[in-house]
Amino acid sequence: MITAGPTREYIDPVRFISNPSTGKMGYALASSVCARGHQAILVSGPTCLEAPRRAKTIPVISADDMHRAVFENLQGVDAVIMAAAVSDFKPASHARLKIKKDRASLHLALKRNPDILHVLGKMKHSYYLVGFAAETDHVMLHAQQKLLKKNLDMIVANRVDREDTGFGSDFNEAVLLFKEGKNKRIAKTSKTRLADVVVREILSHIDRGQPSHFC
């Protein structure tokens, strides 16, 4: 199962909290999985991308939508790749009508969204679990902490504050960290190429004797 893209957390019918994710990395992962003849479930936030034809694509909007879609489709999955940039917070309340700008200021209360990756790590059984660490500083430290805290098998760590890699770019530069303690550094390359590397690493860890279902 592959999650991709951003989530949108609506403040009112026309405004929302989100992030610059375009979904390119997640869609590249889904394409790589399908190209190898495996079944892919792509749970995607709002993007302008065309999904691989062989993938089962489930469009979602909010973090709650993504949470529901992931756990409704988890049965029988061999690997879960959480490449989506899920909003950590959402408005504590949602205005039914558009908020007018006739006030001097607006105070927006936020509350935590469900931590999908954390729950997947806590309940992990037979699936191989991969997370992403999109960081702006101390990339390796934050990624290592996330790997352990969320009980991941692998994490893809990358900087997202550079114009030539990360959000919106066709390129990425990353370090793969594994629960066994090894690291693999990937120099700047296309997201398509990075997706192939990640998928090959996953396939080397799961049972090759069974049909593979990526969610």
N, C-alpha and C. Protein backbone atom coordinates (compact mmCIF):
# COMPACT_ATOMS: atom_id res chain seq x y z
N MET A 1 0.87 -1.18 0.00
CA MET A 1 0.00 0.00 0.00
C MET A 1 0.90 1.23 0.00
N ILE A 2 0.64 2.12 -0.90
CA ILE A 2 1.43 3.34 -1.03
C ILE A 2 0.52 4.53 -0.80
N THR A 3 0.92 5.41 0.11
CA THR A 3 0.19 6.66 0.27
C THR A 3 1.00 7.76 -0.40
N ALA A 4 0.30 8.74 -0.94
CA ALA A 4 0.98 9.78 -1.72
C ALA A 4 0.27 11.12 -1.58
N GLY A 5 1.03 12.18 -1.86
CA GLY A 5 0.44 13.51 -1.92
C GLY A 5 0.21 14.14 -0.57
N PRO A 6 -0.41 15.31 -0.56
CA PRO A 6 -0.72 16.02 0.69
C PRO A 6 -2.10 15.62 1.20
N THR A 7 -2.44 16.10 2.37
CA THR A 7 -3.83 16.09 2.81
C THR A 7 -4.28 17.54 2.96
N ARG A 8 -5.57 17.75 2.94
CA ARG A 8 -6.15 19.07 3.14
C ARG A 8 -7.06 19.04 4.36
N GLU A 9 -6.85 20.00 5.26
CA GLU A 9 -7.65 20.09 6.47
C GLU A 9 -8.43 21.40 6.40
N TYR A 10 -9.71 21.31 6.15
CA TYR A 10 -10.50 22.50 5.83
C TYR A 10 -10.83 23.33 7.07
N ILE A 11 -10.64 24.64 6.91
CA ILE A 11 -11.01 25.64 7.92
C ILE A 11 -12.46 26.06 7.72
N ASP A 12 -12.81 26.31 6.47
CA ASP A 12 -14.17 26.61 6.05
C ASP A 12 -14.32 26.03 4.64
N PRO A 13 -15.41 26.21 3.95
CA PRO A 13 -15.58 25.54 2.65
C PRO A 13 -14.55 25.91 1.58
N VAL A 14 -13.80 27.01 1.75
CA VAL A 14 -12.88 27.43 0.70
C VAL A 14 -11.43 27.56 1.15
N ARG A 15 -11.14 27.35 2.40
CA ARG A 15 -9.77 27.50 2.92
C ARG A 15 -9.36 26.23 3.66
N PHE A 16 -8.09 25.91 3.53
CA PHE A 16 -7.61 24.70 4.19
C PHE A 16 -6.14 24.81 4.57
N ILE A 17 -5.69 23.94 5.46
CA ILE A 17 -4.29 23.79 5.83
C ILE A 17 -3.73 22.63 5.00
N SER A 18 -2.57 22.82 4.41
CA SER A 18 -1.97 21.75 3.62
C SER A 18 -0.46 21.95 3.58
N ASN A 19 0.20 21.38 2.59
CA ASN A 19 1.64 21.49 2.43
C ASN A 19 1.98 21.38 0.95
N PRO A 20 3.25 21.60 0.56
CA PRO A 20 3.59 21.66 -0.87
C PRO A 20 3.75 20.32 -1.58
N SER A 21 3.46 19.21 -0.92
CA SER A 21 3.64 17.91 -1.57
C SER A 21 2.83 17.81 -2.86
N THR A 22 3.46 17.29 -3.90
CA THR A 22 2.77 17.09 -5.19
C THR A 22 2.40 15.64 -5.44
N GLY A 23 2.92 14.72 -4.62
CA GLY A 23 2.63 13.30 -4.81
C GLY A 23 3.58 12.60 -5.76
N LYS A 24 4.56 13.32 -6.31
CA LYS A 24 5.44 12.71 -7.33
C LYS A 24 6.18 11.49 -6.81
N MET A 25 6.65 11.55 -5.55
CA MET A 25 7.40 10.41 -5.02
C MET A 25 6.50 9.19 -4.85
N GLY A 26 5.34 9.39 -4.27
CA GLY A 26 4.43 8.28 -4.07
C GLY A 26 3.95 7.66 -5.37
N TYR A 27 3.67 8.49 -6.36
CA TYR A 27 3.23 7.98 -7.65
C TYR A 27 4.36 7.25 -8.36
N ALA A 28 5.60 7.72 -8.20
CA ALA A 28 6.74 7.01 -8.77
C ALA A 28 6.90 5.64 -8.12
N LEU A 29 6.66 5.56 -6.83
CA LEU A 29 6.71 4.27 -6.14
C LEU A 29 5.63 3.32 -6.65
N ALA A 30 4.42 3.83 -6.82
CA ALA A 30 3.33 3.00 -7.35
C ALA A 30 3.66 2.50 -8.75
N SER A 31 4.22 3.37 -9.59
CA SER A 31 4.58 2.98 -10.95
C SER A 31 5.66 1.90 -10.94
N SER A 32 6.64 2.04 -10.04
CA SER A 32 7.71 1.05 -9.94
C SER A 32 7.17 -0.30 -9.51
N VAL A 33 6.24 -0.29 -8.56
CA VAL A 33 5.62 -1.54 -8.10
C VAL A 33 4.86 -2.22 -9.24
N CYS A 34 4.05 -1.44 -9.95
CA CYS A 34 3.25 -2.00 -11.05
C CYS A 34 4.13 -2.50 -12.18
N ALA A 35 5.22 -1.80 -12.46
CA ALA A 35 6.12 -2.19 -13.55
C ALA A 35 6.75 -3.55 -13.29
N ARG A 36 6.82 -3.94 -12.02
CA ARG A 36 7.39 -5.24 -11.66
C ARG A 36 6.34 -6.33 -11.57
N GLY A 37 5.11 -6.01 -11.95
CA GLY A 37 4.06 -7.01 -11.99
C GLY A 37 3.36 -7.25 -10.68
N HIS A 38 3.59 -6.40 -9.69
CA HIS A 38 2.94 -6.57 -8.40
C HIS A 38 1.65 -5.74 -8.34
N GLN A 39 0.80 -6.07 -7.42
CA GLN A 39 -0.43 -5.32 -7.22
C GLN A 39 -0.16 -4.13 -6.32
N ALA A 40 -0.71 -2.99 -6.67
CA ALA A 40 -0.48 -1.78 -5.89
C ALA A 40 -1.80 -1.12 -5.54
N ILE A 41 -1.92 -0.70 -4.29
CA ILE A 41 -3.04 0.12 -3.85
C ILE A 41 -2.46 1.50 -3.55
N LEU A 42 -2.92 2.50 -4.25
CA LEU A 42 -2.41 3.87 -4.11
C LEU A 42 -3.47 4.72 -3.42
N VAL A 43 -3.19 5.11 -2.20
CA VAL A 43 -4.08 5.99 -1.45
C VAL A 43 -3.53 7.41 -1.60
N SER A 44 -4.25 8.22 -2.35
CA SER A 44 -3.67 9.51 -2.77
C SER A 44 -4.47 10.70 -2.30
N GLY A 45 -3.76 11.66 -1.71
CA GLY A 45 -4.33 12.97 -1.44
C GLY A 45 -4.46 13.74 -2.75
N PRO A 46 -4.95 14.97 -2.71
CA PRO A 46 -5.20 15.74 -3.93
C PRO A 46 -3.91 16.02 -4.72
N THR A 47 -3.85 15.58 -5.96
CA THR A 47 -2.72 15.85 -6.84
C THR A 47 -3.23 16.09 -8.26
N CYS A 48 -2.33 16.52 -9.13
CA CYS A 48 -2.65 16.68 -10.55
C CYS A 48 -2.03 15.57 -11.38
N LEU A 49 -1.61 14.50 -10.74
CA LEU A 49 -0.90 13.42 -11.42
C LEU A 49 -1.85 12.33 -11.91
N GLU A 50 -1.41 11.63 -12.93
CA GLU A 50 -2.16 10.49 -13.44
C GLU A 50 -1.61 9.22 -12.79
N ALA A 51 -2.49 8.47 -12.17
CA ALA A 51 -2.06 7.26 -11.48
C ALA A 51 -1.76 6.13 -12.47
N PRO A 52 -0.86 5.22 -12.09
CA PRO A 52 -0.62 4.05 -12.95
C PRO A 52 -1.92 3.30 -13.21
N ARG A 53 -2.15 2.89 -14.43
CA ARG A 53 -3.41 2.24 -14.80
C ARG A 53 -3.63 0.94 -14.04
N ARG A 54 -2.56 0.24 -13.70
CA ARG A 54 -2.70 -1.05 -13.04
C ARG A 54 -2.89 -0.92 -11.53
N ALA A 55 -2.75 0.27 -11.01
CA ALA A 55 -2.89 0.46 -9.57
C ALA A 55 -4.36 0.65 -9.20
N LYS A 56 -4.72 0.15 -8.04
CA LYS A 56 -6.03 0.47 -7.47
C LYS A 56 -5.86 1.80 -6.74
N THR A 57 -6.46 2.85 -7.26
CA THR A 57 -6.26 4.19 -6.70
C THR A 57 -7.47 4.60 -5.87
N ILE A 58 -7.19 5.05 -4.65
CA ILE A 58 -8.23 5.50 -3.74
C ILE A 58 -7.98 6.97 -3.42
N PRO A 59 -8.76 7.88 -3.98
CA PRO A 59 -8.56 9.31 -3.70
C PRO A 59 -9.10 9.69 -2.34
N VAL A 60 -8.34 10.50 -1.62
CA VAL A 60 -8.77 11.00 -0.31
C VAL A 60 -8.46 12.48 -0.23
N ILE A 61 -9.02 13.14 0.78
CA ILE A 61 -8.78 14.56 0.97
C ILE A 61 -8.03 14.82 2.29
N SER A 62 -8.63 14.44 3.38
CA SER A 62 -8.08 14.77 4.70
C SER A 62 -7.28 13.61 5.29
N ALA A 63 -6.61 13.91 6.40
CA ALA A 63 -5.87 12.86 7.12
C ALA A 63 -6.83 11.79 7.64
N ASP A 64 -8.00 12.21 8.08
CA ASP A 64 -9.00 11.23 8.54
C ASP A 64 -9.42 10.31 7.39
N ASP A 65 -9.60 10.90 6.20
CA ASP A 65 -9.94 10.08 5.02
C ASP A 65 -8.84 9.07 4.73
N MET A 66 -7.59 9.53 4.80
CA MET A 66 -6.47 8.65 4.50
C MET A 66 -6.35 7.54 5.54
N HIS A 67 -6.55 7.90 6.80
CA HIS A 67 -6.53 6.92 7.88
C HIS A 67 -7.56 5.82 7.62
N ARG A 68 -8.76 6.21 7.27
CA ARG A 68 -9.83 5.25 7.02
C ARG A 68 -9.50 4.37 5.81
N ALA A 69 -9.03 4.96 4.73
CA ALA A 69 -8.73 4.21 3.51
C ALA A 69 -7.60 3.21 3.73
N VAL A 70 -6.58 3.60 4.46
CA VAL A 70 -5.45 2.71 4.72
C VAL A 70 -5.92 1.47 5.48
N PHE A 71 -6.65 1.67 6.56
CA PHE A 71 -7.01 0.52 7.40
C PHE A 71 -8.15 -0.30 6.82
N GLU A 72 -8.93 0.27 5.93
CA GLU A 72 -9.96 -0.51 5.24
C GLU A 72 -9.37 -1.42 4.17
N ASN A 73 -8.14 -1.14 3.73
CA ASN A 73 -7.54 -1.90 2.64
C ASN A 73 -6.25 -2.61 3.04
N LEU A 74 -6.04 -2.78 4.33
CA LEU A 74 -4.77 -3.31 4.83
C LEU A 74 -4.67 -4.83 4.75
N GLN A 75 -5.80 -5.50 4.74
CA GLN A 75 -5.77 -6.97 4.79
C GLN A 75 -5.04 -7.55 3.58
N GLY A 76 -4.12 -8.46 3.83
CA GLY A 76 -3.40 -9.15 2.77
C GLY A 76 -2.23 -8.39 2.19
N VAL A 77 -1.93 -7.24 2.75
CA VAL A 77 -0.85 -6.40 2.21
C VAL A 77 0.51 -6.89 2.71
N ASP A 78 1.49 -6.92 1.80
CA ASP A 78 2.85 -7.35 2.15
C ASP A 78 3.74 -6.19 2.57
N ALA A 79 3.45 -5.00 2.05
CA ALA A 79 4.29 -3.84 2.36
C ALA A 79 3.44 -2.58 2.36
N VAL A 80 3.77 -1.68 3.26
CA VAL A 80 3.11 -0.38 3.33
C VAL A 80 4.18 0.69 3.21
N ILE A 81 4.03 1.58 2.23
CA ILE A 81 4.97 2.68 2.02
C ILE A 81 4.22 3.98 2.26
N MET A 82 4.50 4.62 3.38
CA MET A 82 3.80 5.86 3.74
C MET A 82 4.59 7.05 3.20
N ALA A 83 4.37 7.35 1.92
CA ALA A 83 5.08 8.46 1.27
C ALA A 83 4.28 9.76 1.30
N ALA A 84 3.05 9.72 1.76
CA ALA A 84 2.21 10.92 1.80
C ALA A 84 2.72 11.91 2.84
N ALA A 85 2.49 13.19 2.57
CA ALA A 85 2.78 14.24 3.55
C ALA A 85 1.48 14.56 4.28
N VAL A 86 1.22 13.82 5.32
CA VAL A 86 -0.04 13.93 6.06
C VAL A 86 0.04 15.11 7.03
N SER A 87 -0.96 15.96 7.02
CA SER A 87 -0.98 17.09 7.94
C SER A 87 -1.04 16.60 9.38
N ASP A 88 -0.16 17.13 10.21
CA ASP A 88 -0.12 16.71 11.61
C ASP A 88 -1.30 17.28 12.40
N PHE A 89 -1.79 18.45 11.97
CA PHE A 89 -2.86 19.12 12.70
C PHE A 89 -4.02 19.48 11.77
N LYS A 90 -5.17 19.65 12.38
CA LYS A 90 -6.36 20.09 11.66
C LYS A 90 -7.10 21.11 12.53
N PRO A 91 -7.93 21.95 11.93
CA PRO A 91 -8.71 22.89 12.73
C PRO A 91 -9.59 22.16 13.74
N ALA A 92 -9.64 22.72 14.93
CA ALA A 92 -10.47 22.11 15.97
C ALA A 92 -11.95 22.16 15.62
N SER A 93 -12.32 23.14 14.78
CA SER A 93 -13.70 23.22 14.31
C SER A 93 -13.69 23.67 12.86
N HIS A 94 -14.76 23.34 12.15
CA HIS A 94 -14.86 23.67 10.73
C HIS A 94 -16.08 24.56 10.52
N ALA A 95 -15.83 25.75 9.96
CA ALA A 95 -16.94 26.67 9.73
C ALA A 95 -17.80 26.19 8.56
N ARG A 96 -19.11 26.17 8.74
CA ARG A 96 -20.01 25.70 7.70
C ARG A 96 -20.06 26.65 6.52
N LEU A 97 -19.90 27.95 6.80
CA LEU A 97 -19.92 28.98 5.76
C LEU A 97 -18.55 29.65 5.67
N LYS A 98 -18.27 30.28 4.55
CA LYS A 98 -17.01 30.98 4.37
C LYS A 98 -16.84 32.06 5.44
N ILE A 99 -15.66 32.07 6.06
CA ILE A 99 -15.35 33.07 7.08
C ILE A 99 -15.03 34.40 6.39
N LYS A 100 -15.75 35.44 6.73
CA LYS A 100 -15.55 36.75 6.11
C LYS A 100 -14.35 37.47 6.73
N LYS A 101 -13.71 38.31 5.95
CA LYS A 101 -12.51 39.00 6.42
C LYS A 101 -12.84 40.36 7.03
N ASP A 102 -13.95 40.46 7.73
CA ASP A 102 -14.34 41.73 8.34
C ASP A 102 -13.89 41.84 9.78
N ARG A 103 -12.96 40.96 10.17
CA ARG A 103 -12.42 41.03 11.52
C ARG A 103 -10.93 41.37 11.44
N ALA A 104 -10.40 41.97 12.52
CA ALA A 104 -9.01 42.40 12.51
C ALA A 104 -8.04 41.23 12.54
N SER A 105 -8.44 40.14 13.19
CA SER A 105 -7.57 38.97 13.29
C SER A 105 -8.43 37.72 13.45
N LEU A 106 -7.82 36.61 13.23
CA LEU A 106 -8.52 35.33 13.39
C LEU A 106 -7.61 34.37 14.12
N HIS A 107 -8.08 33.83 15.21
CA HIS A 107 -7.31 32.85 15.98
C HIS A 107 -7.83 31.46 15.63
N LEU A 108 -6.92 30.64 15.14
CA LEU A 108 -7.30 29.31 14.68
C LEU A 108 -6.80 28.26 15.66
N ALA A 109 -7.71 27.54 16.29
CA ALA A 109 -7.34 26.46 17.20
C ALA A 109 -7.14 25.18 16.39
N LEU A 110 -6.08 24.45 16.71
CA LEU A 110 -5.76 23.22 16.00
C LEU A 110 -5.77 22.04 16.95
N LYS A 111 -6.01 20.86 16.40
CA LYS A 111 -5.89 19.63 17.17
C LYS A 111 -5.16 18.59 16.33
N ARG A 112 -4.61 17.59 16.99
CA ARG A 112 -3.79 16.60 16.31
C ARG A 112 -4.63 15.71 15.40
N ASN A 113 -4.05 15.38 14.26
CA ASN A 113 -4.63 14.38 13.39
C ASN A 113 -4.20 12.99 13.84
N PRO A 114 -4.89 11.94 13.42
CA PRO A 114 -4.43 10.59 13.74
C PRO A 114 -3.07 10.34 13.12
N ASP A 115 -2.18 9.71 13.86
CA ASP A 115 -0.83 9.37 13.38
C ASP A 115 -0.90 7.99 12.73
N ILE A 116 -1.14 7.97 11.44
CA ILE A 116 -1.36 6.71 10.72
C ILE A 116 -0.14 5.80 10.82
N LEU A 117 1.03 6.37 10.64
CA LEU A 117 2.26 5.57 10.65
C LEU A 117 2.51 4.96 12.02
N HIS A 118 2.24 5.72 13.06
CA HIS A 118 2.43 5.21 14.42
C HIS A 118 1.51 4.02 14.69
N VAL A 119 0.26 4.13 14.28
CA VAL A 119 -0.68 3.03 14.48
C VAL A 119 -0.26 1.80 13.67
N LEU A 120 0.18 2.01 12.44
CA LEU A 120 0.66 0.89 11.62
C LEU A 120 1.84 0.20 12.28
N GLY A 121 2.73 0.98 12.90
CA GLY A 121 3.88 0.40 13.57
C GLY A 121 3.49 -0.39 14.81
N LYS A 122 2.51 0.12 15.55
CA LYS A 122 2.07 -0.56 16.77
C LYS A 122 1.40 -1.89 16.47
N MET A 123 0.63 -1.94 15.38
CA MET A 123 -0.13 -3.15 15.07
C MET A 123 0.57 -4.03 14.02
N LYS A 124 1.80 -3.68 13.68
CA LYS A 124 2.50 -4.37 12.59
C LYS A 124 2.60 -5.87 12.86
N HIS A 125 2.29 -6.63 11.80
CA HIS A 125 2.44 -8.09 11.92
C HIS A 125 3.27 -8.60 10.76
N SER A 126 2.66 -8.89 9.62
CA SER A 126 3.41 -9.51 8.52
C SER A 126 3.89 -8.52 7.47
N TYR A 127 3.42 -7.27 7.50
CA TYR A 127 3.80 -6.35 6.43
C TYR A 127 5.10 -5.61 6.75
N TYR A 128 5.80 -5.27 5.68
CA TYR A 128 7.04 -4.50 5.77
C TYR A 128 6.66 -3.02 5.75
N LEU A 129 7.11 -2.26 6.73
CA LEU A 129 6.62 -0.89 6.92
C LEU A 129 7.71 0.13 6.62
N VAL A 130 7.41 1.03 5.70
CA VAL A 130 8.35 2.06 5.27
C VAL A 130 7.75 3.45 5.51
N GLY A 131 8.53 4.31 6.12
CA GLY A 131 8.11 5.69 6.32
C GLY A 131 9.04 6.65 5.61
N PHE A 132 8.64 7.91 5.57
CA PHE A 132 9.47 8.97 5.00
C PHE A 132 9.69 10.03 6.09
N ALA A 133 10.90 10.58 6.11
CA ALA A 133 11.22 11.68 7.02
C ALA A 133 11.57 12.88 6.17
N ALA A 134 10.62 13.80 6.03
CA ALA A 134 10.83 15.03 5.26
C ALA A 134 11.29 16.10 6.24
N GLU A 135 12.57 16.42 6.23
CA GLU A 135 13.16 17.26 7.26
C GLU A 135 13.83 18.50 6.67
N THR A 136 14.06 19.49 7.55
CA THR A 136 14.79 20.70 7.16
C THR A 136 16.10 20.85 7.92
N ASP A 137 16.30 20.04 8.96
CA ASP A 137 17.55 20.09 9.73
C ASP A 137 17.74 18.76 10.46
N HIS A 138 18.99 18.47 10.81
CA HIS A 138 19.33 17.25 11.55
C HIS A 138 18.60 16.04 10.97
N VAL A 139 18.73 15.88 9.67
CA VAL A 139 17.94 14.89 8.94
C VAL A 139 18.16 13.48 9.47
N MET A 140 19.40 13.09 9.63
CA MET A 140 19.70 11.73 10.07
C MET A 140 19.19 11.48 11.49
N LEU A 141 19.39 12.44 12.37
CA LEU A 141 18.94 12.29 13.76
C LEU A 141 17.44 12.13 13.83
N HIS A 142 16.70 13.01 13.16
CA HIS A 142 15.24 12.94 13.20
C HIS A 142 14.74 11.65 12.54
N ALA A 143 15.38 11.24 11.46
CA ALA A 143 14.96 10.02 10.78
C ALA A 143 15.19 8.80 11.66
N GLN A 144 16.33 8.73 12.33
CA GLN A 144 16.64 7.60 13.21
C GLN A 144 15.64 7.53 14.36
N GLN A 145 15.31 8.68 14.92
CA GLN A 145 14.32 8.71 16.01
C GLN A 145 12.95 8.22 15.52
N LYS A 146 12.57 8.65 14.33
CA LYS A 146 11.27 8.25 13.77
C LYS A 146 11.25 6.77 13.45
N LEU A 147 12.35 6.24 12.93
CA LEU A 147 12.47 4.82 12.63
C LEU A 147 12.19 3.97 13.87
N LEU A 148 12.77 4.37 14.99
CA LEU A 148 12.62 3.59 16.22
C LEU A 148 11.26 3.83 16.87
N LYS A 149 10.85 5.09 16.94
CA LYS A 149 9.61 5.43 17.63
C LYS A 149 8.39 4.82 16.95
N LYS A 150 8.41 4.76 15.62
CA LYS A 150 7.24 4.27 14.88
C LYS A 150 7.36 2.81 14.50
N ASN A 151 8.43 2.14 14.96
CA ASN A 151 8.61 0.70 14.72
C ASN A 151 8.63 0.39 13.22
N LEU A 152 9.44 1.14 12.47
CA LEU A 152 9.53 0.96 11.02
C LEU A 152 10.60 -0.05 10.66
N ASP A 153 10.47 -0.62 9.49
CA ASP A 153 11.51 -1.49 8.95
C ASP A 153 12.52 -0.68 8.14
N MET A 154 12.06 0.40 7.54
CA MET A 154 12.93 1.27 6.75
C MET A 154 12.33 2.67 6.74
N ILE A 155 13.20 3.67 6.65
CA ILE A 155 12.74 5.04 6.50
C ILE A 155 13.58 5.72 5.44
N VAL A 156 12.92 6.54 4.64
CA VAL A 156 13.58 7.32 3.59
C VAL A 156 13.69 8.75 4.09
N ALA A 157 14.91 9.21 4.34
CA ALA A 157 15.14 10.53 4.90
C ALA A 157 15.62 11.49 3.83
N ASN A 158 14.98 12.64 3.76
CA ASN A 158 15.42 13.64 2.78
C ASN A 158 15.10 15.05 3.25
N ARG A 159 15.85 16.02 2.73
CA ARG A 159 15.61 17.43 3.02
C ARG A 159 14.55 17.96 2.08
N VAL A 160 13.68 18.82 2.61
CA VAL A 160 12.61 19.37 1.78
C VAL A 160 12.67 20.89 1.70
N ASP A 161 13.79 21.47 2.16
CA ASP A 161 13.91 22.92 2.12
C ASP A 161 14.83 23.38 0.99
N ARG A 162 15.08 22.51 0.02
CA ARG A 162 15.90 22.85 -1.13
C ARG A 162 15.03 22.88 -2.38
N GLU A 163 15.32 23.81 -3.29
CA GLU A 163 14.51 23.94 -4.49
C GLU A 163 14.77 22.82 -5.50
N ASP A 164 15.98 22.23 -5.46
CA ASP A 164 16.34 21.25 -6.49
C ASP A 164 15.96 19.83 -6.12
N THR A 165 15.51 19.60 -4.89
CA THR A 165 15.05 18.27 -4.46
C THR A 165 13.85 18.45 -3.55
N GLY A 166 13.20 17.35 -3.23
CA GLY A 166 12.10 17.42 -2.27
C GLY A 166 10.79 17.84 -2.91
N PHE A 167 9.97 18.56 -2.16
CA PHE A 167 8.62 18.92 -2.58
C PHE A 167 8.61 19.60 -3.95
N GLY A 168 7.80 19.10 -4.85
CA GLY A 168 7.59 19.73 -6.14
C GLY A 168 8.62 19.41 -7.19
N SER A 169 9.79 18.95 -6.79
CA SER A 169 10.87 18.67 -7.74
C SER A 169 10.72 17.28 -8.35
N ASP A 170 11.31 17.09 -9.53
CA ASP A 170 11.36 15.76 -10.14
C ASP A 170 12.55 14.96 -9.61
N PHE A 171 13.33 15.58 -8.72
CA PHE A 171 14.55 14.94 -8.22
C PHE A 171 14.50 14.84 -6.70
N ASN A 172 15.32 13.94 -6.19
CA ASN A 172 15.41 13.79 -4.74
C ASN A 172 16.80 13.29 -4.38
N GLU A 173 17.15 13.49 -3.15
CA GLU A 173 18.40 12.99 -2.58
C GLU A 173 18.05 12.45 -1.21
N ALA A 174 18.45 11.24 -0.89
CA ALA A 174 17.94 10.62 0.32
C ALA A 174 18.94 9.67 0.94
N VAL A 175 18.64 9.31 2.18
CA VAL A 175 19.35 8.24 2.87
C VAL A 175 18.30 7.23 3.33
N LEU A 176 18.52 5.96 3.01
CA LEU A 176 17.65 4.90 3.49
C LEU A 176 18.24 4.36 4.79
N LEU A 177 17.44 4.36 5.84
CA LEU A 177 17.87 3.82 7.12
C LEU A 177 17.04 2.57 7.41
N PHE A 178 17.69 1.53 7.89
CA PHE A 178 17.03 0.25 8.12
C PHE A 178 17.08 -0.10 9.61
N LYS A 179 16.09 -0.86 10.06
CA LYS A 179 16.02 -1.22 11.48
C LYS A 179 17.20 -2.08 11.90
N GLU A 180 17.84 -2.77 10.93
CA GLU A 180 19.01 -3.58 11.24
C GLU A 180 20.23 -2.72 11.56
N GLY A 181 20.14 -1.42 11.29
CA GLY A 181 21.24 -0.52 11.62
C GLY A 181 22.03 -0.02 10.43
N LYS A 182 21.83 -0.59 9.25
CA LYS A 182 22.59 -0.14 8.09
C LYS A 182 21.91 1.07 7.44
N ASN A 183 22.71 1.85 6.72
CA ASN A 183 22.22 3.00 5.97
C ASN A 183 22.64 2.88 4.52
N LYS A 184 21.87 3.49 3.63
CA LYS A 184 22.23 3.51 2.21
C LYS A 184 21.96 4.91 1.69
N ARG A 185 23.01 5.61 1.27
CA ARG A 185 22.88 6.98 0.79
C ARG A 185 22.62 6.97 -0.72
N ILE A 186 21.61 7.74 -1.13
CA ILE A 186 21.26 7.86 -2.55
C ILE A 186 21.56 9.29 -2.98
N ALA A 187 22.54 9.47 -3.86
CA ALA A 187 22.87 10.79 -4.36
C ALA A 187 21.72 11.34 -5.19
N LYS A 188 21.76 12.64 -5.46
CA LYS A 188 20.68 13.28 -6.19
C LYS A 188 20.36 12.52 -7.47
N THR A 189 19.10 12.16 -7.61
CA THR A 189 18.65 11.39 -8.76
C THR A 189 17.17 11.68 -9.00
N SER A 190 16.62 11.14 -10.04
CA SER A 190 15.19 11.34 -10.30
C SER A 190 14.36 10.58 -9.26
N LYS A 191 13.17 11.06 -9.03
CA LYS A 191 12.29 10.35 -8.10
C LYS A 191 11.91 8.98 -8.65
N THR A 192 11.89 8.86 -9.96
CA THR A 192 11.64 7.55 -10.58
C THR A 192 12.74 6.57 -10.21
N ARG A 193 13.99 7.01 -10.30
CA ARG A 193 15.13 6.17 -9.96
C ARG A 193 15.14 5.84 -8.47
N LEU A 194 14.87 6.83 -7.63
CA LEU A 194 14.84 6.59 -6.19
C LEU A 194 13.74 5.59 -5.85
N ALA A 195 12.59 5.72 -6.50
CA ALA A 195 11.49 4.78 -6.26
C ALA A 195 11.92 3.35 -6.59
N ASP A 196 12.64 3.17 -7.68
CA ASP A 196 13.11 1.84 -8.05
C ASP A 196 14.04 1.27 -6.98
N VAL A 197 14.91 2.11 -6.44
CA VAL A 197 15.83 1.66 -5.39
C VAL A 197 15.05 1.23 -4.15
N VAL A 198 14.08 2.04 -3.75
CA VAL A 198 13.29 1.74 -2.55
C VAL A 198 12.51 0.45 -2.74
N VAL A 199 11.87 0.29 -3.89
CA VAL A 199 11.07 -0.91 -4.15
C VAL A 199 11.96 -2.16 -4.18
N ARG A 200 13.13 -2.06 -4.78
CA ARG A 200 14.04 -3.21 -4.79
C ARG A 200 14.46 -3.60 -3.38
N GLU A 201 14.70 -2.61 -2.53
CA GLU A 201 15.07 -2.92 -1.15
C GLU A 201 13.93 -3.63 -0.43
N ILE A 202 12.71 -3.17 -0.65
CA ILE A 202 11.56 -3.81 -0.02
C ILE A 202 11.42 -5.25 -0.49
N LEU A 203 11.51 -5.46 -1.79
CA LEU A 203 11.36 -6.80 -2.35
C LEU A 203 12.43 -7.75 -1.85
N SER A 204 13.59 -7.21 -1.53
CA SER A 204 14.67 -8.07 -1.02
C SER A 204 14.39 -8.52 0.41
N HIS A 205 13.42 -7.88 1.09
CA HIS A 205 13.13 -8.21 2.48
C HIS A 205 11.85 -9.03 2.65
N ILE A 206 10.94 -8.99 1.67
CA ILE A 206 9.68 -9.72 1.85
C ILE A 206 9.75 -11.05 1.12
N ASP A 207 8.80 -11.90 1.37
CA ASP A 207 8.78 -13.26 0.83
C ASP A 207 8.55 -13.21 -0.67
N ARG A 208 9.54 -13.55 -1.45
CA ARG A 208 9.42 -13.52 -2.89
C ARG A 208 8.54 -14.66 -3.40
N GLY A 209 8.24 -15.63 -2.56
CA GLY A 209 7.46 -16.77 -3.01
C GLY A 209 5.97 -16.54 -3.04
N GLN A 210 5.53 -15.38 -2.55
CA GLN A 210 4.11 -15.07 -2.50
C GLN A 210 3.80 -13.85 -3.38
N PRO A 211 2.59 -13.76 -3.93
CA PRO A 211 2.22 -12.55 -4.67
C PRO A 211 2.34 -11.34 -3.75
N SER A 212 2.87 -10.25 -4.26
CA SER A 212 3.10 -9.07 -3.44
C SER A 212 1.99 -8.04 -3.66
N HIS A 213 1.46 -7.54 -2.56
CA HIS A 213 0.40 -6.54 -2.61
C HIS A 213 0.91 -5.31 -1.88
N PHE A 214 1.11 -4.22 -2.58
CA PHE A 214 1.59 -3.00 -1.95
C PHE A 214 0.42 -2.08 -1.69
N CYS A 215 0.32 -1.59 -0.47
CA CYS A 215 -0.78 -0.71 -0.08
C CYS A 215 -0.23 0.64 0.31
